[in-house]
Protein backbone atom coordinates (compact mmCIF):
# COMPACT_ATOMS: atom_id res chain seq x y z
CA MET A 1 16.22 -48.79 20.53
CA ARG A 2 15.14 -46.44 17.58
CA VAL A 3 13.37 -43.32 18.95
CA VAL A 4 11.37 -40.76 17.24
CA LEU A 5 10.77 -37.51 19.49
CA ILE A 6 8.14 -35.23 17.67
CA GLY A 7 8.57 -31.48 19.14
CA ALA A 8 11.91 -31.99 19.60
CA SER A 9 12.82 -27.87 19.36
CA GLY A 10 11.10 -26.94 22.22
CA GLN A 11 11.79 -26.90 25.92
CA LEU A 12 10.64 -30.26 26.74
CA GLY A 13 11.60 -31.66 23.50
CA SER A 14 14.90 -30.53 23.90
CA ASP A 15 15.60 -31.67 27.47
CA LEU A 16 14.59 -34.90 26.72
CA ALA A 17 16.69 -35.12 23.24
CA GLN A 18 19.45 -34.14 25.42
CA VAL A 19 19.13 -36.75 27.62
CA LEU A 20 18.52 -39.31 25.35
CA SER A 21 20.95 -38.56 22.92
CA SER A 22 23.55 -39.85 25.51
CA ARG A 23 21.67 -43.35 26.45
CA PRO A 24 23.86 -46.34 25.33
CA GLY A 25 22.04 -48.12 22.66
CA VAL A 26 19.11 -45.65 22.25
CA SER A 27 18.83 -44.28 18.36
CA LEU A 28 16.95 -41.27 18.60
CA PHE A 29 15.55 -39.25 15.80
CA PRO A 30 15.18 -36.00 17.11
CA LEU A 31 12.33 -34.01 14.96
CA THR A 32 11.33 -30.34 14.84
CA HIS A 33 8.22 -28.52 13.71
CA ALA A 34 10.07 -27.69 10.59
CA GLN A 35 10.88 -30.94 10.20
CA LEU A 36 7.36 -32.61 10.93
CA ASP A 37 4.17 -30.63 11.19
CA ILE A 38 2.23 -33.22 13.23
CA THR A 39 -0.94 -31.78 12.17
CA GLN A 40 -0.06 -33.23 8.19
CA VAL A 41 -0.99 -37.31 9.27
CA GLU A 42 0.44 -38.15 5.74
CA GLN A 43 3.55 -36.28 6.07
CA VAL A 44 3.27 -38.32 9.86
CA ARG A 45 2.93 -41.14 8.25
CA THR A 46 5.69 -41.22 6.03
CA VAL A 47 8.29 -39.88 8.37
CA LEU A 48 7.47 -43.08 10.88
CA THR A 49 7.19 -45.53 8.28
CA GLU A 50 10.50 -44.46 6.91
CA LYS A 51 12.28 -44.03 10.42
CA ARG A 52 10.59 -47.22 12.47
CA PRO A 53 10.55 -46.17 15.71
CA GLU A 54 9.94 -48.64 18.20
CA VAL A 55 9.36 -45.27 20.81
CA VAL A 56 7.38 -42.29 19.45
CA ILE A 57 7.85 -39.35 21.84
CA ASN A 58 5.20 -36.87 21.00
CA THR A 59 6.11 -33.22 22.49
CA ALA A 60 4.71 -30.84 20.32
CA ALA A 61 2.13 -28.93 21.03
CA TYR A 62 -0.08 -25.72 20.54
CA HIS A 63 0.03 -24.11 24.40
CA ARG A 64 0.50 -20.06 24.85
CA VAL A 65 -2.76 -19.47 25.80
CA ASP A 66 -3.91 -16.41 24.40
CA ASP A 67 -3.14 -17.74 20.81
CA CYS A 68 -5.10 -20.82 22.24
CA GLU A 69 -8.17 -18.76 22.66
CA THR A 70 -7.57 -16.88 19.99
CA ASN A 71 -7.14 -20.18 17.46
CA ILE A 72 -9.27 -22.55 18.73
CA GLY A 73 -8.97 -23.89 15.93
CA GLN A 74 -5.59 -24.79 15.44
CA ALA A 75 -5.21 -25.64 18.54
CA PHE A 76 -8.02 -28.27 18.82
CA ALA A 77 -6.36 -29.47 15.65
CA VAL A 78 -2.65 -29.57 17.62
CA ASN A 79 -3.52 -30.65 20.37
CA ALA A 80 -6.51 -33.26 19.99
CA VAL A 81 -7.32 -34.12 16.52
CA ALA A 82 -3.14 -34.40 15.44
CA VAL A 83 -2.51 -36.88 18.58
CA ALA A 84 -5.62 -38.74 17.49
CA GLN A 85 -4.12 -39.73 13.92
CA LEU A 86 -0.76 -39.99 15.96
CA ALA A 87 -2.13 -42.81 18.63
CA ALA A 88 -4.11 -44.08 15.27
CA ILE A 89 -1.06 -44.89 12.82
CA THR A 90 0.54 -48.69 12.44
CA ILE A 91 3.30 -48.75 10.82
CA SER A 92 4.17 -52.04 8.93
């Protein structure tokens, strides 16, 4: 199974990467924020088309509460808009 893991350098993402990388039959493609900015929909589409995953796990989030209160637009872009765009991407 081909798995793309978005947000692989975060706490949840790194834990999942560790578990999934040891699973037989799993081809894991862990992607950090430096490798994939989830708010860049064309970049996401390109990477997913290239990797052709069967499963996409998104652990990317803008979650520092104080920053979210100050940067409402960025928090919404990462936690809502980008997630909706990710869900809508189809790979042909």
